[in-house]
């Protein structure tokens, strides 16, 4: 087992792989699943994100519109850059192959200082990165250790649905109209939305609850029936959508573990990859002796905190989606589809977690 890596990254999905690609052979990835197994995502992201991961070959379909469906209305929002759907396993394996990182298959239970506590034993590293998803295995309250490490952000309680969405998706053999389709149909799901993403020879069909309801099987079945589609293999999971402290007692936190999944849309791949690249770049500078660990932590924190105001706009959009009558939401989506409002919204939305490293402290 490789134990001489400078950085241990817990979690080998999008965020962890993005960090590892920057650090290359200095990184050790650890995950309970083999690389590319355990898909929970709908696997939709801007094309440039897949290109940045070196995984463009995994793209299944490219789309140029978001399509908003409300009762009696369908509105198309052209997007200023192409989005795509892609094969999760192929993407992750391509990104890992390009990283040069080592990999250990094991579960991370917590940490003690700079030592990760895992099912494969205690693994020390100079720097720890938590990319374990919404559970935040090294950055949550019950990951606290005998050394007194407080591994959870203040204010993150355990109340159901706090800062989390839940999505459930089926992959079915079907073709679908062009675009990434979002359905705000209250008779299907009242506290969220449903979606259909074309992905080559299949379509990904899912439902999401803004209130973290995880019993969505009947809603997904009703949606498939409503669309006249067969059932198919299902996957899903929670999405971390409330920003948490990006550095916890010296450990860097990235992706859903840090609440980087975007409110309203639930998009999390783009933010995970861009934040992962920034985090990896700062950690690399620490290893190279260019900046201190404290300076890297401060810069990464500033980078994440810059997103907070942008988050509020999406949180207000979420509130509108659950509180407005569906037809009023349809009228609003039609108004937003005008060039001026849509351009402003897209500039705001696509600027979130821009991949540039923040200015020096």
Protein backbone atom coordinates (compact mmCIF):
# COMPACT_ATOMS: atom_id res chain seq x y z
CA UNK A 1 0.00 0.00 0.00
CA UNK A 2 1.44 3.41 -0.94
CA UNK A 3 1.96 5.41 2.25
CA UNK A 4 4.63 7.90 1.21
CA UNK A 5 2.35 10.31 -0.62
CA UNK A 6 2.37 13.90 0.62
CA UNK A 7 -1.39 14.43 0.24
CA UNK A 8 -4.19 12.03 1.11
CA UNK A 9 -7.45 12.72 -0.72
CA UNK A 10 -10.51 10.98 0.71
CA UNK A 11 -13.01 10.52 -2.11
CA UNK A 12 -12.24 9.58 -5.71
CA UNK A 13 -15.09 11.22 -7.60
CA UNK A 14 -15.04 14.60 -9.37
CA UNK A 15 -13.63 16.80 -6.58
CA UNK A 16 -11.00 14.33 -5.43
CA UNK A 17 -9.91 13.54 -8.98
CA UNK A 18 -9.56 17.25 -9.79
CA UNK A 19 -7.28 17.76 -6.78
CA UNK A 20 -5.27 14.65 -7.66
CA UNK A 21 -4.74 15.78 -11.24
CA UNK A 22 -2.98 18.91 -10.01
CA UNK A 23 -0.85 17.07 -7.44
CA UNK A 24 -0.05 14.08 -9.66
CA UNK A 25 2.26 11.51 -8.03
CA UNK A 26 2.21 13.35 -4.71
CA UNK A 27 -1.42 12.32 -4.12
CA UNK A 28 -3.01 9.21 -2.67
CA UNK A 29 -6.71 8.78 -3.43
CA UNK A 30 -8.78 6.63 -1.09
CA UNK A 31 -12.37 5.55 -1.71
CA UNK A 32 -14.60 2.61 -0.70
CA UNK A 33 -15.48 2.00 -4.37
CA UNK A 34 -13.27 1.21 -7.31
CA UNK A 35 -12.57 4.19 -9.55
CA UNK A 36 -15.71 4.88 -11.60
CA UNK A 37 -18.07 2.77 -9.47
CA UNK A 38 -20.81 4.08 -7.18
CA UNK A 39 -22.38 6.66 -9.50
CA UNK A 40 -24.87 8.99 -7.79
CA UNK A 41 -24.75 11.90 -10.25
CA UNK A 42 -26.92 12.68 -13.28
CA UNK A 43 -23.61 13.38 -15.06
CA UNK A 44 -24.41 16.67 -16.74
CA UNK A 45 -21.80 19.44 -16.94
CA UNK A 46 -20.30 22.02 -19.30
CA UNK A 47 -18.18 20.43 -22.02
CA UNK A 48 -15.10 22.37 -20.86
CA UNK A 49 -15.27 20.62 -17.47
CA UNK A 50 -14.88 17.24 -19.16
CA UNK A 51 -12.07 18.64 -21.27
CA UNK A 52 -10.36 19.97 -18.14
CA UNK A 53 -10.48 16.47 -16.63
CA UNK A 54 -9.03 14.92 -19.76
CA UNK A 55 -12.25 12.96 -20.13
CA UNK A 56 -13.83 14.39 -23.29
CA UNK A 57 -14.00 10.87 -24.76
CA UNK A 58 -16.65 10.01 -22.15
CA UNK A 59 -19.15 12.57 -23.53
CA UNK A 60 -22.40 10.96 -24.69
CA UNK A 61 -24.47 13.96 -25.81
CA UNK A 62 -23.98 17.73 -26.21
CA UNK A 63 -26.80 20.18 -25.54
CA UNK A 64 -27.21 23.92 -26.15
CA UNK A 65 -30.47 24.62 -24.28
CA UNK A 66 -32.06 24.24 -20.90
CA UNK A 67 -35.77 23.49 -21.31
CA UNK A 68 -38.06 24.55 -18.45
CA UNK A 69 -41.42 22.76 -18.27
CA UNK A 70 -44.26 24.07 -16.09
CA UNK A 71 -47.97 23.23 -16.39
CA UNK A 72 -49.09 24.37 -19.84
CA UNK A 73 -45.77 25.99 -20.75
CA UNK A 74 -42.38 25.03 -22.17
CA UNK A 75 -39.56 27.59 -22.31
CA UNK A 76 -36.10 27.17 -23.83
CA UNK A 77 -33.09 28.91 -22.32
CA UNK A 78 -30.15 28.92 -24.75
CA UNK A 79 -26.91 28.52 -22.79
CA UNK A 80 -23.77 30.51 -23.73
CA UNK A 81 -21.59 27.40 -23.68
CA UNK A 82 -22.44 23.78 -24.47
CA UNK A 83 -23.36 21.33 -21.72
CA UNK A 84 -23.06 17.59 -22.06
CA UNK A 85 -23.99 14.28 -20.52
CA UNK A 86 -21.26 11.70 -20.10
CA UNK A 87 -20.44 8.19 -18.92
CA UNK A 88 -19.47 8.33 -15.24
CA UNK A 89 -17.18 5.30 -15.19
CA UNK A 90 -15.33 6.32 -18.34
CA UNK A 91 -14.94 9.89 -17.07
CA UNK A 92 -13.53 8.92 -13.68
CA UNK A 93 -11.15 6.33 -15.10
CA UNK A 94 -9.82 8.75 -17.71
CA UNK A 95 -9.34 11.47 -15.08
CA UNK A 96 -7.57 9.03 -12.76
CA UNK A 97 -5.30 7.75 -15.54
CA UNK A 98 -4.24 11.33 -16.22
CA UNK A 99 -3.51 12.06 -12.56
CA UNK A 100 -0.54 9.86 -11.75
CA UNK A 101 -1.98 9.47 -8.25
CA UNK A 102 -1.96 6.25 -6.24
CA UNK A 103 -5.22 4.63 -5.11
CA UNK A 104 -6.31 2.59 -2.10
CA UNK A 105 -9.76 1.07 -1.86
CA UNK A 106 -10.89 1.67 1.71
CA UNK A 107 -13.43 3.63 3.76
CA UNK A 108 -12.43 6.75 5.68
CA UNK A 109 -13.99 6.94 9.15
CA UNK A 110 -12.43 10.17 10.39
CA UNK A 111 -9.03 11.52 11.29
CA UNK A 112 -6.69 12.19 14.14
CA UNK A 113 -4.72 15.31 13.36
CA UNK A 114 -2.97 14.67 10.03
CA UNK A 115 -3.71 10.93 10.14
CA UNK A 116 -6.68 9.52 8.21
CA UNK A 117 -8.51 6.75 10.05
CA UNK A 118 -9.51 4.16 7.46
CA UNK A 119 -10.61 0.56 7.09
CA UNK A 120 -7.11 -0.10 5.75
CA UNK A 121 -5.48 1.30 8.86
CA UNK A 122 -4.13 4.70 9.89
CA UNK A 123 -2.67 6.66 6.97
CA UNK A 124 -0.62 9.77 7.72
CA UNK A 125 -0.04 12.56 5.21
CA UNK A 126 1.36 16.05 5.18
CA UNK A 127 -1.99 17.41 3.92
CA UNK A 128 -5.49 15.92 4.12
CA UNK A 129 -8.24 16.71 1.62
CA UNK A 130 -11.86 15.71 2.30
CA UNK A 131 -13.77 15.05 -0.93
CA UNK A 132 -16.07 12.37 0.50
CA UNK A 133 -19.39 13.97 -0.50
CA UNK A 134 -22.14 15.24 1.78
CA UNK A 135 -21.07 12.95 4.66
CA UNK A 136 -17.77 14.87 4.97
CA UNK A 137 -16.01 11.94 6.62
CA UNK A 138 -13.05 14.00 7.84
CA UNK A 139 -14.92 17.26 8.41
CA UNK A 140 -18.02 16.41 10.42
CA UNK A 141 -18.83 16.39 14.12
CA UNK A 142 -18.64 12.64 14.64
CA UNK A 143 -15.27 12.51 12.90
CA UNK A 144 -13.77 14.23 15.96
CA UNK A 145 -10.85 12.31 17.37
CA UNK A 146 -9.10 11.70 20.65
CA UNK A 147 -6.75 14.54 19.78
CA UNK A 148 -9.62 16.97 20.13
CA UNK A 149 -9.92 17.76 16.43
CA UNK A 150 -13.27 19.43 15.89
CA UNK A 151 -14.05 18.16 12.44
CA UNK A 152 -17.28 19.93 11.69
CA UNK A 153 -18.13 23.47 10.71
CA UNK A 154 -19.95 25.55 13.27
CA UNK A 155 -23.68 25.81 12.75
CA UNK A 156 -23.98 22.54 10.82
CA UNK A 157 -26.64 20.71 12.77
CA UNK A 158 -28.14 17.32 12.05
CA UNK A 159 -31.66 18.47 11.29
CA UNK A 160 -33.17 16.62 8.35
CA UNK A 161 -32.57 18.32 5.05
CA UNK A 162 -30.31 21.06 6.44
CA UNK A 163 -28.22 22.14 3.46
CA UNK A 164 -29.02 19.00 1.47
CA UNK A 165 -31.12 17.96 -1.49
CA UNK A 166 -31.85 14.39 -2.51
CA UNK A 167 -32.09 13.09 -6.06
CA UNK A 168 -33.10 9.74 -7.54
CA UNK A 169 -32.57 8.83 -11.18
CA UNK A 170 -33.28 5.98 -13.61
CA UNK A 171 -31.39 5.39 -16.83
CA UNK A 172 -33.80 4.15 -19.49
CA UNK A 173 -33.50 3.21 -23.18
CA UNK A 174 -35.11 6.17 -24.89
CA UNK A 175 -34.43 9.11 -27.19
CA UNK A 176 -35.55 12.59 -26.18
CA UNK A 177 -35.84 16.08 -27.60
CA UNK A 178 -32.66 18.16 -27.59
CA UNK A 179 -31.84 20.05 -24.43
CA UNK A 180 -31.51 19.39 -20.72
CA UNK A 181 -35.13 19.24 -19.55
CA UNK A 182 -36.35 20.40 -16.10
CA UNK A 183 -39.98 19.76 -15.08
CA UNK A 184 -41.57 21.84 -12.35
CA UNK A 185 -44.73 19.73 -12.16
CA UNK A 186 -46.16 19.84 -8.65
CA UNK A 187 -48.25 16.72 -9.21
CA UNK A 188 -44.95 14.81 -9.60
CA UNK A 189 -42.79 16.50 -6.96
CA UNK A 190 -43.99 19.53 -5.00
CA UNK A 191 -40.73 20.45 -3.28
CA UNK A 192 -38.31 20.19 -6.18
CA UNK A 193 -38.27 19.24 -9.83
CA UNK A 194 -37.93 16.34 -12.24
CA UNK A 195 -35.58 16.07 -15.20
CA UNK A 196 -34.77 14.27 -18.43
CA UNK A 197 -31.21 14.42 -19.78
CA UNK A 198 -30.55 12.78 -23.17
CA UNK A 199 -27.38 10.65 -23.01
CA UNK A 200 -26.81 8.96 -26.35
CA UNK A 201 -28.91 5.81 -26.58
CA UNK A 202 -30.46 6.35 -23.17
CA UNK A 203 -32.16 9.09 -21.23
CA UNK A 204 -31.49 9.91 -17.57
CA UNK A 205 -34.80 10.54 -15.85
CA UNK A 206 -34.94 11.72 -12.27
CA UNK A 207 -36.65 13.60 -9.46
CA UNK A 208 -35.16 15.86 -6.81
CA UNK A 209 -36.39 17.11 -3.44
CA UNK A 210 -35.13 20.44 -2.14
CA UNK A 211 -36.19 19.28 1.35
CA UNK A 212 -34.00 16.18 1.39
CA UNK A 213 -36.84 13.65 1.09
CA UNK A 214 -35.16 10.40 0.18
CA UNK A 215 -38.30 8.31 -0.43
CA UNK A 216 -38.83 9.35 -4.04
CA UNK A 217 -39.37 5.98 -5.69
CA UNK A 218 -43.10 6.46 -6.23
CA UNK A 219 -42.58 9.96 -7.64
CA UNK A 220 -39.97 8.68 -10.08
CA UNK A 221 -42.26 5.85 -11.15
CA UNK A 222 -45.15 8.31 -11.66
CA UNK A 223 -42.90 10.57 -13.75
CA UNK A 224 -41.73 7.71 -15.96
CA UNK A 225 -45.33 6.61 -16.45
CA UNK A 226 -46.42 10.16 -17.26
CA UNK A 227 -43.74 10.39 -19.96
CA UNK A 228 -44.51 6.92 -21.33
CA UNK A 229 -41.02 5.64 -20.53
CA UNK A 230 -39.93 2.25 -19.18
CA UNK A 231 -38.16 1.87 -15.87
CA UNK A 232 -34.44 1.21 -15.58
CA UNK A 233 -31.51 0.91 -13.19
CA UNK A 234 -31.64 3.52 -10.43
CA UNK A 235 -29.08 5.47 -8.49
CA UNK A 236 -29.17 8.58 -6.36
CA UNK A 237 -27.99 10.31 -3.25
CA UNK A 238 -27.79 13.48 -1.21
CA UNK A 239 -26.32 16.73 -2.53
CA UNK A 240 -24.53 19.20 -0.23
CA UNK A 241 -25.92 22.66 -1.11
CA UNK A 242 -25.01 24.86 1.85
CA UNK A 243 -21.51 26.32 2.02
CA UNK A 244 -19.46 24.98 4.92
CA UNK A 245 -16.02 26.10 6.07
CA UNK A 246 -13.58 25.07 3.31
CA UNK A 247 -10.74 24.33 5.74
CA UNK A 248 -11.37 22.48 9.02
CA UNK A 249 -8.45 22.26 11.43
CA UNK A 250 -5.97 22.19 8.58
CA UNK A 251 -7.87 19.75 6.33
CA UNK A 252 -9.07 21.14 2.99
CA UNK A 253 -12.70 20.34 2.12
CA UNK A 254 -13.89 20.19 -1.50
CA UNK A 255 -17.09 19.43 -3.44
CA UNK A 256 -20.26 18.26 -1.71
CA UNK A 257 -18.32 17.79 1.53
CA UNK A 258 -17.97 21.59 1.60
CA UNK A 259 -21.49 22.26 0.29
CA UNK A 260 -20.26 23.26 -3.16
CA UNK A 261 -23.27 21.80 -5.00
CA UNK A 262 -25.27 24.75 -6.36
CA UNK A 263 -28.70 25.58 -4.92
CA UNK A 264 -31.75 25.58 -7.22
CA UNK A 265 -30.21 23.51 -10.03
CA UNK A 266 -28.34 20.95 -7.92
CA UNK A 267 -25.38 21.16 -10.32
CA UNK A 268 -22.25 20.03 -8.51
CA UNK A 269 -19.70 18.67 -10.97
CA UNK A 270 -18.50 22.02 -12.32
CA UNK A 271 -18.07 23.53 -8.85
CA UNK A 272 -16.35 20.38 -7.56
CA UNK A 273 -13.84 20.36 -10.41
CA UNK A 274 -13.06 24.09 -10.37
CA UNK A 275 -12.75 24.18 -6.56
CA UNK A 276 -10.67 21.00 -6.70
CA UNK A 277 -8.26 22.56 -9.16
CA UNK A 278 -7.86 25.68 -7.02
CA UNK A 279 -7.40 23.60 -3.88
CA UNK A 280 -4.87 21.34 -5.59
CA UNK A 281 -2.93 24.31 -6.92
CA UNK A 282 -2.64 25.89 -3.48
CA UNK A 283 -1.63 22.61 -1.82
CA UNK A 284 1.01 22.10 -4.51
CA UNK A 285 2.47 25.51 -3.68
CA UNK A 286 2.65 24.50 -0.03
CA UNK A 287 4.52 21.32 -0.93
CA UNK A 288 6.90 23.33 -3.13
CA UNK A 289 7.63 25.73 -0.28
CA UNK A 290 6.19 28.75 -2.11
CA UNK A 291 3.57 29.58 0.52
CA UNK A 292 2.72 28.43 4.02
CA UNK A 293 -0.11 26.05 4.84
CA UNK A 294 -1.83 28.92 6.67
CA UNK A 295 -1.61 31.15 3.58
CA UNK A 296 -2.99 28.39 1.36
CA UNK A 297 -5.89 27.86 3.77
CA UNK A 298 -6.62 31.60 3.82
CA UNK A 299 -6.57 31.89 0.03
CA UNK A 300 -8.78 28.87 -0.47
CA UNK A 301 -11.22 30.21 2.13
CA UNK A 302 -11.35 33.56 0.36
CA UNK A 303 -11.99 31.83 -2.96
CA UNK A 304 -14.93 29.86 -1.57
CA UNK A 305 -16.33 32.82 0.38
CA UNK A 306 -16.51 34.82 -2.85
CA UNK A 307 -19.28 32.43 -3.91
CA UNK A 308 -21.54 33.15 -0.93
CA UNK A 309 -23.36 36.13 -2.41
CA UNK A 310 -23.89 34.26 -5.66
CA UNK A 311 -25.30 31.34 -3.66
CA UNK A 312 -27.96 33.63 -2.19
CA UNK A 313 -29.40 34.38 -5.63
CA UNK A 314 -29.83 30.64 -6.26
CA UNK A 315 -31.26 30.13 -2.78
CA UNK A 316 -33.87 32.79 -3.56
CA UNK A 317 -34.61 30.98 -6.83
CA UNK A 318 -35.13 27.78 -4.85
CA UNK A 319 -37.53 29.59 -2.52
CA UNK A 320 -39.48 30.87 -5.52
CA UNK A 321 -39.65 27.36 -7.00
CA UNK A 322 -41.24 25.90 -3.86
CA UNK A 323 -43.48 28.83 -2.92
CA UNK A 324 -44.82 30.21 -6.20
CA UNK A 325 -47.75 28.56 -7.99
CA UNK A 326 -46.42 26.50 -10.86
CA UNK A 327 -48.05 28.70 -13.51
CA UNK A 328 -46.51 31.82 -11.96
CA UNK A 329 -43.16 30.06 -12.06
CA UNK A 330 -43.79 29.37 -15.74
CA UNK A 331 -44.44 33.06 -16.42
CA UNK A 332 -41.24 33.93 -14.58
CA UNK A 333 -39.21 31.41 -16.58
CA UNK A 334 -40.62 32.91 -19.81
CA UNK A 335 -39.55 36.39 -18.69
CA UNK A 336 -36.06 35.15 -17.81
CA UNK A 337 -35.77 33.60 -21.30
CA UNK A 338 -35.55 37.10 -22.80
CA UNK A 339 -31.99 37.95 -23.93
CA UNK A 340 -31.32 40.58 -21.26
CA UNK A 341 -32.46 38.71 -18.14
CA UNK A 342 -31.17 35.36 -19.39
CA UNK A 343 -27.76 36.79 -20.22
CA UNK A 344 -27.46 38.35 -16.76
CA UNK A 345 -28.54 35.13 -15.04
CA UNK A 346 -26.16 32.96 -17.05
CA UNK A 347 -23.21 35.28 -16.47
CA UNK A 348 -23.93 35.12 -12.75
CA UNK A 349 -24.47 31.36 -12.77
CA UNK A 350 -21.49 30.34 -14.89
CA UNK A 351 -19.13 32.66 -12.98
CA UNK A 352 -19.65 30.62 -9.82
CA UNK A 353 -16.48 28.76 -8.80
CA UNK A 354 -14.53 30.24 -11.68
CA UNK A 355 -11.38 28.19 -12.03
CA UNK A 356 -8.90 31.03 -11.51
CA UNK A 357 -6.87 30.98 -8.29
CA UNK A 358 -7.82 33.92 -6.06
CA UNK A 359 -5.55 36.90 -5.70
CA UNK A 360 -2.69 36.59 -3.26
CA UNK A 361 -3.38 37.39 0.37
